[in-house]
Amino acid sequence: MRCVIARYPFELTKNGVLASMKDVTPEPVTGESVTIGRRRYPVKQVGQVITRQDRRDFTSGEVVRAMTRLGFTCHEHPGTAPADVPTPLQAASALLGGTASSQEA
């Protein structure tokens, strides 16, 4: 599949990405990530490996679009949660029979 990352065209395949990431140890995920095989990698790390470019040269969105088109599962920032999911403080308070507002901390 042809895709453009940081204004440069790349011919990427799912098997090519799998082979490129095979022996790469995942860095800690702090932002958007992509699952490749059984591992979850930061998208910037994946972009750097598959394009051999500096991470400052491309956006995470470019890599997410390319990985999604290849069939990989991409994940949003780990800190984002749906609005209806209680925070840990709210869940603990509910278990103890109280109510915790999001302003308590």
PDB file of N, CA and C in Angstrom:
ATOM      1  N   MET A   1       0.845  -1.163   0.000  1.00  0.00           N
ATOM      2  CA  MET A   1       0.000   0.000   0.000  1.00  0.00           C
ATOM      3  C   MET A   1       0.900   1.238   0.000  1.00  0.00           C
ATOM      4  N   ARG A   2       0.569   2.171  -0.832  1.00  0.00           N
ATOM      5  CA  ARG A   2       1.329   3.418  -0.904  1.00  0.00           C
ATOM      6  C   ARG A   2       0.735   4.418   0.085  1.00  0.00           C
ATOM      7  N   CYS A   3       1.582   5.018   0.894  1.00  0.00           N
ATOM      8  CA  CYS A   3       1.129   6.064   1.813  1.00  0.00           C
ATOM      9  C   CYS A   3       2.212   7.126   1.903  1.00  0.00           C
ATOM     10  N   VAL A   4       1.807   8.317   2.296  1.00  0.00           N
ATOM     11  CA  VAL A   4       2.732   9.436   2.420  1.00  0.00           C
ATOM     12  C   VAL A   4       2.872   9.778   3.898  1.00  0.00           C
ATOM     13  N   ILE A   5       4.108   9.767   4.358  1.00  0.00           N
ATOM     14  CA  ILE A   5       4.413  10.135   5.742  1.00  0.00           C
ATOM     15  C   ILE A   5       5.529  11.165   5.677  1.00  0.00           C
ATOM     16  N   ALA A   6       5.290  12.316   6.254  1.00  0.00           N
ATOM     17  CA  ALA A   6       6.246  13.428   6.261  1.00  0.00           C
ATOM     18  C   ALA A   6       6.626  13.815   4.831  1.00  0.00           C
ATOM     19  N   ARG A   7       5.643  13.864   3.959  1.00  0.00           N
ATOM     20  CA  ARG A   7       5.786  14.271   2.567  1.00  0.00           C
ATOM     21  C   ARG A   7       6.582  13.296   1.719  1.00  0.00           C
ATOM     22  N   TYR A   8       6.899  12.115   2.220  1.00  0.00           N
ATOM     23  CA  TYR A   8       7.631  11.115   1.449  1.00  0.00           C
ATOM     24  C   TYR A   8       6.734   9.904   1.214  1.00  0.00           C
ATOM     25  N   PRO A   9       6.717   9.381  -0.003  1.00  0.00           N
ATOM     26  CA  PRO A   9       5.898   8.199  -0.283  1.00  0.00           C
ATOM     27  C   PRO A   9       6.593   6.914   0.194  1.00  0.00           C
ATOM     28  N   PHE A  10       5.806   6.010   0.739  1.00  0.00           N
ATOM     29  CA  PHE A  10       6.305   4.714   1.202  1.00  0.00           C
ATOM     30  C   PHE A  10       5.382   3.620   0.698  1.00  0.00           C
ATOM     31  N   GLU A  11       5.967   2.491   0.312  1.00  0.00           N
ATOM     32  CA  GLU A  11       5.194   1.298  -0.027  1.00  0.00           C
ATOM     33  C   GLU A  11       5.238   0.390   1.192  1.00  0.00           C
ATOM     34  N   LEU A  12       4.149   0.330   1.921  1.00  0.00           N
ATOM     35  CA  LEU A  12       4.095  -0.469   3.144  1.00  0.00           C
ATOM     36  C   LEU A  12       3.172  -1.656   2.963  1.00  0.00           C
ATOM     37  N   THR A  13       3.549  -2.769   3.577  1.00  0.00           N
ATOM     38  CA  THR A  13       2.684  -3.950   3.631  1.00  0.00           C
ATOM     39  C   THR A  13       2.581  -4.383   5.083  1.00  0.00           C
ATOM     40  N   LYS A  14       1.530  -5.084   5.391  1.00  0.00           N
ATOM     41  CA  LYS A  14       1.352  -5.561   6.766  1.00  0.00           C
ATOM     42  C   LYS A  14       2.501  -6.486   7.155  1.00  0.00           C
ATOM     43  N   ASN A  15       2.869  -7.393   6.261  1.00  0.00           N
ATOM     44  CA  ASN A  15       3.974  -8.308   6.560  1.00  0.00           C
ATOM     45  C   ASN A  15       5.296  -7.569   6.703  1.00  0.00           C
ATOM     46  N   GLY A  16       5.497  -6.508   5.919  1.00  0.00           N
ATOM     47  CA  GLY A  16       6.711  -5.714   6.029  1.00  0.00           C
ATOM     48  C   GLY A  16       6.808  -5.010   7.365  1.00  0.00           C
ATOM     49  N   VAL A  17       5.690  -4.478   7.838  1.00  0.00           N
ATOM     50  CA  VAL A  17       5.666  -3.813   9.150  1.00  0.00           C
ATOM     51  C   VAL A  17       5.914  -4.836  10.254  1.00  0.00           C
ATOM     52  N   LEU A  18       5.268  -5.996  10.153  1.00  0.00           N
ATOM     53  CA  LEU A  18       5.483  -7.053  11.151  1.00  0.00           C
ATOM     54  C   LEU A  18       6.959  -7.456  11.204  1.00  0.00           C
ATOM     55  N   ALA A  19       7.591  -7.604  10.039  1.00  0.00           N
ATOM     56  CA  ALA A  19       9.001  -7.991   9.989  1.00  0.00           C
ATOM     57  C   ALA A  19       9.891  -6.888  10.561  1.00  0.00           C
ATOM     58  N   SER A  20       9.572  -5.629  10.259  1.00  0.00           N
ATOM     59  CA  SER A  20      10.381  -4.504  10.756  1.00  0.00           C
ATOM     60  C   SER A  20      10.319  -4.387  12.272  1.00  0.00           C
ATOM     61  N   MET A  21       9.166  -4.676  12.854  1.00  0.00           N
ATOM     62  CA  MET A  21       8.963  -4.496  14.289  1.00  0.00           C
ATOM     63  C   MET A  21       9.246  -5.771  15.098  1.00  0.00           C
ATOM     64  N   LYS A  22       9.616  -6.856  14.416  1.00  0.00           N
ATOM     65  CA  LYS A  22       9.763  -8.155  15.067  1.00  0.00           C
ATOM     66  C   LYS A  22      10.699  -8.138  16.278  1.00  0.00           C
ATOM     67  N   ASP A  23      11.876  -7.588  16.139  1.00  0.00           N
ATOM     68  CA  ASP A  23      12.862  -7.611  17.223  1.00  0.00           C
ATOM     69  C   ASP A  23      12.987  -6.277  17.955  1.00  0.00           C
ATOM     70  N   VAL A  24      11.989  -5.413  17.811  1.00  0.00           N
ATOM     71  CA  VAL A  24      12.021  -4.100  18.450  1.00  0.00           C
ATOM     72  C   VAL A  24      11.282  -4.170  19.782  1.00  0.00           C
ATOM     73  N   THR A  25      11.937  -3.745  20.847  1.00  0.00           N
ATOM     74  CA  THR A  25      11.320  -3.716  22.172  1.00  0.00           C
ATOM     75  C   THR A  25      10.430  -2.481  22.284  1.00  0.00           C
ATOM     76  N   PRO A  26       9.162  -2.658  22.674  1.00  0.00           N
ATOM     77  CA  PRO A  26       8.271  -1.497  22.786  1.00  0.00           C
ATOM     78  C   PRO A  26       8.710  -0.532  23.886  1.00  0.00           C
ATOM     79  N   GLU A  27       8.630   0.750  23.591  1.00  0.00           N
ATOM     80  CA  GLU A  27       8.877   1.777  24.592  1.00  0.00           C
ATOM     81  C   GLU A  27       7.603   1.951  25.413  1.00  0.00           C
ATOM     82  N   PRO A  28       7.680   2.599  26.571  1.00  0.00           N
ATOM     83  CA  PRO A  28       6.456   2.851  27.352  1.00  0.00           C
ATOM     84  C   PRO A  28       5.472   3.701  26.536  1.00  0.00           C
ATOM     85  N   VAL A  29       4.203   3.326  26.586  1.00  0.00           N
ATOM     86  CA  VAL A  29       3.167   4.039  25.842  1.00  0.00           C
ATOM     87  C   VAL A  29       2.689   5.226  26.658  1.00  0.00           C
ATOM     88  N   THR A  30       2.843   6.412  26.100  1.00  0.00           N
ATOM     89  CA  THR A  30       2.381   7.623  26.782  1.00  0.00           C
ATOM     90  C   THR A  30       1.364   8.384  25.944  1.00  0.00           C
ATOM     91  N   GLY A  31       1.184   7.973  24.717  1.00  0.00           N
ATOM     92  CA  GLY A  31       0.250   8.641  23.814  1.00  0.00           C
ATOM     93  C   GLY A  31      -0.461   7.612  22.965  1.00  0.00           C
ATOM     94  N   GLU A  32      -0.696   7.967  21.708  1.00  0.00           N
ATOM     95  CA  GLU A  32      -1.351   7.033  20.806  1.00  0.00           C
ATOM     96  C   GLU A  32      -0.444   5.825  20.589  1.00  0.00           C
ATOM     97  N   SER A  33      -1.072   4.669  20.376  1.00  0.00           N
ATOM     98  CA  SER A  33      -0.296   3.443  20.209  1.00  0.00           C
ATOM     99  C   SER A  33      -0.943   2.550  19.165  1.00  0.00           C
ATOM    100  N   VAL A  34      -0.180   1.543  18.740  1.00  0.00           N
ATOM    101  CA  VAL A  34      -0.657   0.585  17.751  1.00  0.00           C
ATOM    102  C   VAL A  34      -0.240  -0.816  18.203  1.00  0.00           C
ATOM    103  N   THR A  35      -1.149  -1.777  18.049  1.00  0.00           N
ATOM    104  CA  THR A  35      -0.853  -3.161  18.393  1.00  0.00           C
ATOM    105  C   THR A  35      -0.306  -3.852  17.155  1.00  0.00           C
ATOM    106  N   ILE A  36       0.915  -4.356  17.281  1.00  0.00           N
ATOM    107  CA  ILE A  36       1.553  -5.089  16.193  1.00  0.00           C
ATOM    108  C   ILE A  36       1.950  -6.439  16.766  1.00  0.00           C
ATOM    109  N   GLY A  37       1.353  -7.483  16.224  1.00  0.00           N
ATOM    110  CA  GLY A  37       1.547  -8.813  16.800  1.00  0.00           C
ATOM    111  C   GLY A  37       0.888  -8.847  18.163  1.00  0.00           C
ATOM    112  N   ARG A  38       1.648  -9.173  19.181  1.00  0.00           N
ATOM    113  CA  ARG A  38       1.112  -9.205  20.549  1.00  0.00           C
ATOM    114  C   ARG A  38       1.602  -8.037  21.380  1.00  0.00           C
ATOM    115  N   ARG A  39       2.294  -7.109  20.739  1.00  0.00           N
ATOM    116  CA  ARG A  39       2.873  -5.985  21.473  1.00  0.00           C
ATOM    117  C   ARG A  39       2.193  -4.677  21.094  1.00  0.00           C
ATOM    118  N   ARG A  40       2.234  -3.743  22.035  1.00  0.00           N
ATOM    119  CA  ARG A  40       1.648  -2.427  21.819  1.00  0.00           C
ATOM    120  C   ARG A  40       2.779  -1.395  21.809  1.00  0.00           C
ATOM    121  N   TYR A  41       2.936  -0.722  20.679  1.00  0.00           N
ATOM    122  CA  TYR A  41       4.012   0.237  20.469  1.00  0.00           C
ATOM    123  C   TYR A  41       3.467   1.658  20.380  1.00  0.00           C
ATOM    124  N   PRO A  42       4.240   2.648  20.842  1.00  0.00           N
ATOM    125  CA  PRO A  42       3.868   4.042  20.571  1.00  0.00           C
ATOM    126  C   PRO A  42       3.939   4.279  19.061  1.00  0.00           C
ATOM    127  N   VAL A  43       2.997   5.023  18.498  1.00  0.00           N
ATOM    128  CA  VAL A  43       2.973   5.212  17.043  1.00  0.00           C
ATOM    129  C   VAL A  43       4.225   5.934  16.549  1.00  0.00           C
ATOM    130  N   LYS A  44       4.780   6.831  17.335  1.00  0.00           N
ATOM    131  CA  LYS A  44       5.996   7.524  16.911  1.00  0.00           C
ATOM    132  C   LYS A  44       7.167   6.550  16.783  1.00  0.00           C
ATOM    133  N   GLN A  45       7.253   5.563  17.664  1.00  0.00           N
ATOM    134  CA  GLN A  45       8.308   4.556  17.570  1.00  0.00           C
ATOM    135  C   GLN A  45       8.135   3.744  16.295  1.00  0.00           C
ATOM    136  N   VAL A  46       6.906   3.338  16.007  1.00  0.00           N
ATOM    137  CA  VAL A  46       6.632   2.562  14.790  1.00  0.00           C
ATOM    138  C   VAL A  46       6.989   3.386  13.559  1.00  0.00           C
ATOM    139  N   GLY A  47       6.567   4.647  13.547  1.00  0.00           N
ATOM    140  CA  GLY A  47       6.875   5.511  12.416  1.00  0.00           C
ATOM    141  C   GLY A  47       8.364   5.661  12.189  1.00  0.00           C
ATOM    142  N   GLN A  48       9.117   5.794  13.262  1.00  0.00           N
ATOM    143  CA  GLN A  48      10.564   5.937  13.144  1.00  0.00           C
ATOM    144  C   GLN A  48      11.195   4.672  12.557  1.00  0.00           C
ATOM    145  N   VAL A  49      10.731   3.509  13.002  1.00  0.00           N
ATOM    146  CA  VAL A  49      11.311   2.257  12.524  1.00  0.00           C
ATOM    147  C   VAL A  49      10.961   2.008  11.061  1.00  0.00           C
ATOM    148  N   ILE A  50       9.698   2.184  10.696  1.00  0.00           N
ATOM    149  CA  ILE A  50       9.299   1.821   9.329  1.00  0.00           C
ATOM    150  C   ILE A  50       9.708   2.858   8.284  1.00  0.00           C
ATOM    151  N   THR A  51       9.909   4.127   8.700  1.00  0.00           N
ATOM    152  CA  THR A  51      10.292   5.161   7.726  1.00  0.00           C
ATOM    153  C   THR A  51      11.767   5.528   7.811  1.00  0.00           C
ATOM    154  N   ARG A  52      12.422   5.162   8.905  1.00  0.00           N
ATOM    155  CA  ARG A  52      13.817   5.532   9.171  1.00  0.00           C
ATOM    156  C   ARG A  52      13.989   7.054   9.202  1.00  0.00           C
ATOM    157  N   GLN A  53      12.947   7.745   9.653  1.00  0.00           N
ATOM    158  CA  GLN A  53      12.988   9.195   9.782  1.00  0.00           C
ATOM    159  C   GLN A  53      12.978   9.579  11.258  1.00  0.00           C
ATOM    160  N   ASP A  54      13.400  10.800  11.527  1.00  0.00           N
ATOM    161  CA  ASP A  54      13.343  11.332  12.878  1.00  0.00           C
ATOM    162  C   ASP A  54      11.878  11.509  13.280  1.00  0.00           C
ATOM    163  N   ARG A  55      11.569  11.268  14.525  1.00  0.00           N
ATOM    164  CA  ARG A  55      10.184  11.361  15.005  1.00  0.00           C
ATOM    165  C   ARG A  55       9.599  12.762  14.874  1.00  0.00           C
ATOM    166  N   ARG A  56      10.441  13.760  14.817  1.00  0.00           N
ATOM    167  CA  ARG A  56       9.956  15.134  14.681  1.00  0.00           C
ATOM    168  C   ARG A  56       9.502  15.450  13.268  1.00  0.00           C
ATOM    169  N   ASP A  57       9.819  14.570  12.309  1.00  0.00           N
ATOM    170  CA  ASP A  57       9.512  14.831  10.911  1.00  0.00           C
ATOM    171  C   ASP A  57       8.093  14.439  10.507  1.00  0.00           C
ATOM    172  N   PHE A  58       7.391  13.689  11.332  1.00  0.00           N
ATOM    173  CA  PHE A  58       6.042  13.243  10.984  1.00  0.00           C
ATOM    174  C   PHE A  58       5.130  13.350  12.204  1.00  0.00           C
ATOM    175  N   THR A  59       3.825  13.303  11.941  1.00  0.00           N
ATOM    176  CA  THR A  59       2.862  13.357  13.041  1.00  0.00           C
ATOM    177  C   THR A  59       2.383  11.949  13.371  1.00  0.00           C
ATOM    178  N   SER A  60       1.880  11.794  14.573  1.00  0.00           N
ATOM    179  CA  SER A  60       1.339  10.496  14.955  1.00  0.00           C
ATOM    180  C   SER A  60       0.105  10.161  14.115  1.00  0.00           C
ATOM    181  N   GLY A  61      -0.639  11.185  13.703  1.00  0.00           N
ATOM    182  CA  GLY A  61      -1.822  10.962  12.877  1.00  0.00           C
ATOM    183  C   GLY A  61      -1.494  10.319  11.542  1.00  0.00           C
ATOM    184  N   GLU A  62      -0.365  10.702  10.949  1.00  0.00           N
ATOM    185  CA  GLU A  62       0.043  10.094   9.678  1.00  0.00           C
ATOM    186  C   GLU A  62       0.295   8.599   9.849  1.00  0.00           C
ATOM    187  N   VAL A  63       0.953   8.240  10.931  1.00  0.00           N
ATOM    188  CA  VAL A  63       1.268   6.828  11.181  1.00  0.00           C
ATOM    189  C   VAL A  63      -0.005   6.061  11.536  1.00  0.00           C
ATOM    190  N   VAL A  64      -0.873   6.666  12.343  1.00  0.00           N
ATOM    191  CA  VAL A  64      -2.131   6.010  12.710  1.00  0.00           C
ATOM    192  C   VAL A  64      -2.952   5.709  11.453  1.00  0.00           C
ATOM    193  N   ARG A  65      -3.061   6.675  10.543  1.00  0.00           N
ATOM    194  CA  ARG A  65      -3.813   6.448   9.301  1.00  0.00           C
ATOM    195  C   ARG A  65      -3.219   5.298   8.499  1.00  0.00           C
ATOM    196  N   ALA A  66      -1.890   5.278   8.372  1.00  0.00           N
ATOM    197  CA  ALA A  66      -1.232   4.217   7.608  1.00  0.00           C
ATOM    198  C   ALA A  66      -1.441   2.852   8.268  1.00  0.00           C
ATOM    199  N   MET A  67      -1.265   2.780   9.585  1.00  0.00           N
ATOM    200  CA  MET A  67      -1.409   1.500  10.285  1.00  0.00           C
ATOM    201  C   MET A  67      -2.855   1.006  10.240  1.00  0.00           C
ATOM    202  N   THR A  68      -3.805   1.919  10.342  1.00  0.00           N
ATOM    203  CA  THR A  68      -5.217   1.542  10.260  1.00  0.00           C
ATOM    204  C   THR A  68      -5.541   0.984   8.885  1.00  0.00           C
ATOM    205  N   ARG A  69      -5.026   1.638   7.848  1.00  0.00           N
ATOM    206  CA  ARG A  69      -5.274   1.154   6.485  1.00  0.00           C
ATOM    207  C   ARG A  69      -4.646  -0.215   6.248  1.00  0.00           C
ATOM    208  N   LEU A  70      -3.560  -0.519   6.947  1.00  0.00           N
ATOM    209  CA  LEU A  70      -2.930  -1.834   6.824  1.00  0.00           C
ATOM    210  C   LEU A  70      -3.630  -2.897   7.664  1.00  0.00           C
ATOM    211  N   GLY A  71      -4.552  -2.496   8.523  1.00  0.00           N
ATOM    212  CA  GLY A  71      -5.311  -3.460   9.312  1.00  0.00           C
ATOM    213  C   GLY A  71      -4.864  -3.631  10.747  1.00  0.00           C
ATOM    214  N   PHE A  72      -3.961  -2.778  11.213  1.00  0.00           N
ATOM    215  CA  PHE A  72      -3.522  -2.847  12.606  1.00  0.00           C
ATOM    216  C   PHE A  72      -4.508  -2.090  13.491  1.00  0.00           C
ATOM    217  N   THR A  73      -4.572  -2.478  14.756  1.00  0.00           N
ATOM    218  CA  THR A  73      -5.446  -1.810  15.719  1.00  0.00           C
ATOM    219  C   THR A  73      -4.692  -0.670  16.372  1.00  0.00           C
ATOM    220  N   CYS A  74      -5.250   0.535  16.257  1.00  0.00           N
ATOM    221  CA  CYS A  74      -4.640   1.716  16.865  1.00  0.00           C
ATOM    222  C   CYS A  74      -5.462   2.125  18.084  1.00  0.00           C
ATOM    223  N   HIS A  75      -4.779   2.698  19.072  1.00  0.00           N
ATOM    224  CA  HIS A  75      -5.406   3.084  20.331  1.00  0.00           C
ATOM    225  C   HIS A  75      -5.147   4.550  20.599  1.00  0.00           C
ATOM    226  N   GLU A  76      -6.130   5.223  21.194  1.00  0.00           N
ATOM    227  CA  GLU A  76      -5.973   6.623  21.562  1.00  0.00           C
ATOM    228  C   GLU A  76      -5.054   6.740  22.771  1.00  0.00           C
ATOM    229  N   HIS A  77      -4.854   7.954  23.205  1.00  0.00           N
ATOM    230  CA  HIS A  77      -4.032   8.229  24.378  1.00  0.00           C
ATOM    231  C   HIS A  77      -4.558   7.411  25.554  1.00  0.00           C
ATOM    232  N   PRO A  78      -3.675   6.740  26.320  1.00  0.00           N
ATOM    233  CA  PRO A  78      -4.146   5.884  27.412  1.00  0.00           C
ATOM    234  C   PRO A  78      -4.898   6.626  28.508  1.00  0.00           C
ATOM    235  N   GLY A  79      -4.724   7.928  28.616  1.00  0.00           N
ATOM    236  CA  GLY A  79      -5.400   8.698  29.656  1.00  0.00           C
ATOM    237  C   GLY A  79      -6.830   9.056  29.310  1.00  0.00           C
ATOM    238  N   THR A  80      -7.221   8.852  28.048  1.00  0.00           N
ATOM    239  CA  THR A  80      -8.579   9.205  27.661  1.00  0.00           C
ATOM    240  C   THR A  80      -9.515   8.056  27.991  1.00  0.00           C
ATOM    241  N   ALA A  81     -10.603   8.374  28.638  1.00  0.00           N
ATOM    242  CA  ALA A  81     -11.602   7.375  29.004  1.00  0.00           C
ATOM    243  C   ALA A  81     -12.979   7.943  28.686  1.00  0.00           C
ATOM    244  N   PRO A  82     -13.925   7.082  28.376  1.00  0.00           N
ATOM    245  CA  PRO A  82     -15.280   7.575  28.139  1.00  0.00           C
ATOM    246  C   PRO A  82     -15.816   8.318  29.365  1.00  0.00           C
ATOM    247  N   ALA A  83     -16.708   9.266  29.145  1.00  0.00           N
ATOM    248  CA  ALA A  83     -17.223  10.110  30.219  1.00  0.00           C
ATOM    249  C   ALA A  83     -18.005   9.336  31.273  1.00  0.00           C
ATOM    250  N   ASP A  84     -18.626   8.220  30.897  1.00  0.00           N
ATOM    251  CA  ASP A  84     -19.448   7.488  31.852  1.00  0.00           C
ATOM    252  C   ASP A  84     -18.646   6.523  32.733  1.00  0.00           C
ATOM    253  N   VAL A  85     -17.339   6.434  32.542  1.00  0.00           N
ATOM    254  CA  VAL A  85     -16.501   5.568  33.366  1.00  0.00           C
ATOM    255  C   VAL A  85     -16.045   6.375  34.583  1.00  0.00           C
ATOM    256  N   PRO A  86     -16.345   5.889  35.793  1.00  0.00           N
ATOM    257  CA  PRO A  86     -15.960   6.644  36.988  1.00  0.00           C
ATOM    258  C   PRO A  86     -14.448   6.639  37.189  1.00  0.00           C
ATOM    259  N   THR A  87     -13.940   7.692  37.797  1.00  0.00           N
ATOM    260  CA  THR A  87     -12.528   7.745  38.141  1.00  0.00           C
ATOM    261  C   THR A  87     -12.283   6.757  39.282  1.00  0.00           C
ATOM    262  N   PRO A  88     -11.038   6.380  39.546  1.00  0.00           N
ATOM    263  CA  PRO A  88     -10.769   5.476  40.665  1.00  0.00           C
ATOM    264  C   PRO A  88     -11.297   6.006  41.999  1.00  0.00           C
ATOM    265  N   LEU A  89     -11.204   7.313  42.213  1.00  0.00           N
ATOM    266  CA  LEU A  89     -11.714   7.913  43.449  1.00  0.00           C
ATOM    267  C   LEU A  89     -13.233   7.751  43.543  1.00  0.00           C
ATOM    268  N   GLN A  90     -13.936   7.998  42.442  1.00  0.00           N
ATOM    269  CA  GLN A  90     -15.385   7.857  42.437  1.00  0.00           C
ATOM    270  C   GLN A  90     -15.804   6.403  42.652  1.00  0.00           C
ATOM    271  N   ALA A  91     -15.083   5.460  42.045  1.00  0.00           N
ATOM    272  CA  ALA A  91     -15.407   4.038  42.208  1.00  0.00           C
ATOM    273  C   ALA A  91     -15.197   3.593  43.652  1.00  0.00           C
ATOM    274  N   ALA A  92     -14.078   4.010  44.260  1.00  0.00           N
ATOM    275  CA  ALA A  92     -13.801   3.639  45.645  1.00  0.00           C
ATOM    276  C   ALA A  92     -14.827   4.253  46.585  1.00  0.00           C
ATOM    277  N   SER A  93     -15.194   5.493  46.341  1.00  0.00           N
ATOM    278  CA  SER A  93     -16.176   6.162  47.174  1.00  0.00           C
ATOM    279  C   SER A  93     -17.535   5.477  47.075  1.00  0.00           C
ATOM    280  N   ALA A  94     -17.909   5.081  45.873  1.00  0.00           N
ATOM    281  CA  ALA A  94     -19.186   4.384  45.687  1.00  0.00           C
ATOM    282  C   ALA A  94     -19.194   3.054  46.428  1.00  0.00           C
ATOM    283  N   LEU A  95     -18.068   2.344  46.419  1.00  0.00           N
ATOM    284  CA  LEU A  95     -17.981   1.076  47.133  1.00  0.00           C
ATOM    285  C   LEU A  95     -18.109   1.259  48.646  1.00  0.00           C
ATOM    286  N   LEU A  96     -17.663   2.409  49.141  1.00  0.00           N
ATOM    287  CA  LEU A  96     -17.736   2.692  50.566  1.00  0.00           C
ATOM    288  C   LEU A  96     -19.049   3.348  50.970  1.00  0.00           C
ATOM    289  N   GLY A  97     -19.911   3.581  49.993  1.00  0.00           N
ATOM    290  CA  GLY A  97     -21.216   4.129  50.294  1.00  0.00           C
ATOM    291  C   GLY A  97     -21.308   5.636  50.262  1.00  0.00           C
ATOM    292  N   GLY A  98     -20.249   6.294  49.890  1.00  0.00           N
ATOM    293  CA  GLY A  98     -20.258   7.761  49.816  1.00  0.00           C
ATOM    294  C   GLY A  98     -20.369   8.217  48.370  1.00  0.00           C
ATOM    295  N   THR A  99     -20.278   9.500  48.193  1.00  0.00           N
ATOM    296  CA  THR A  99     -20.240  10.061  46.842  1.00  0.00           C
ATOM    297  C   THR A  99     -19.005  10.929  46.728  1.00  0.00           C
ATOM    298  N   ALA A 100     -18.287  10.774  45.652  1.00  0.00           N
ATOM    299  CA  ALA A 100     -17.088  11.576  45.428  1.00  0.00           C
ATOM    300  C   ALA A 100     -17.290  12.384  44.158  1.00  0.00           C
ATOM    301  N   SER A 101     -17.146  13.668  44.292  1.00  0.00           N
ATOM    302  CA  SER A 101     -17.248  14.506  43.112  1.00  0.00           C
ATOM    303  C   SER A 101     -15.892  14.575  42.443  1.00  0.00           C
ATOM    304  N   SER A 102     -15.877  14.976  41.186  1.00  0.00           N
ATOM    305  CA  SER A 102     -14.614  15.046  40.455  1.00  0.00           C
ATOM    306  C   SER A 102     -13.739  16.187  40.947  1.00  0.00           C
ATOM    307  N   GLN A 103     -14.267  17.050  41.829  1.00  0.00           N
ATOM    308  CA  GLN A 103     -13.509  18.175  42.317  1.00  0.00           C
ATOM    309  C   GLN A 103     -12.714  17.826  43.572  1.00  0.00           C
ATOM    310  N   GLU A 104     -13.030  16.696  44.211  1.00  0.00           N
ATOM    311  CA  GLU A 104     -12.279  16.276  45.380  1.00  0.00           C
ATOM    312  C   GLU A 104     -10.982  15.621  44.937  1.00  0.00           C
ATOM    313  N   ALA A 105      -9.908  15.942  45.594  1.00  0.00           N
ATOM    314  CA  ALA A 105      -8.649  15.269  45.281  1.00  0.00           C
ATOM    315  C   ALA A 105      -7.607  15.627  46.325  1.00  0.00           C
TER     316      ALA A 105
END
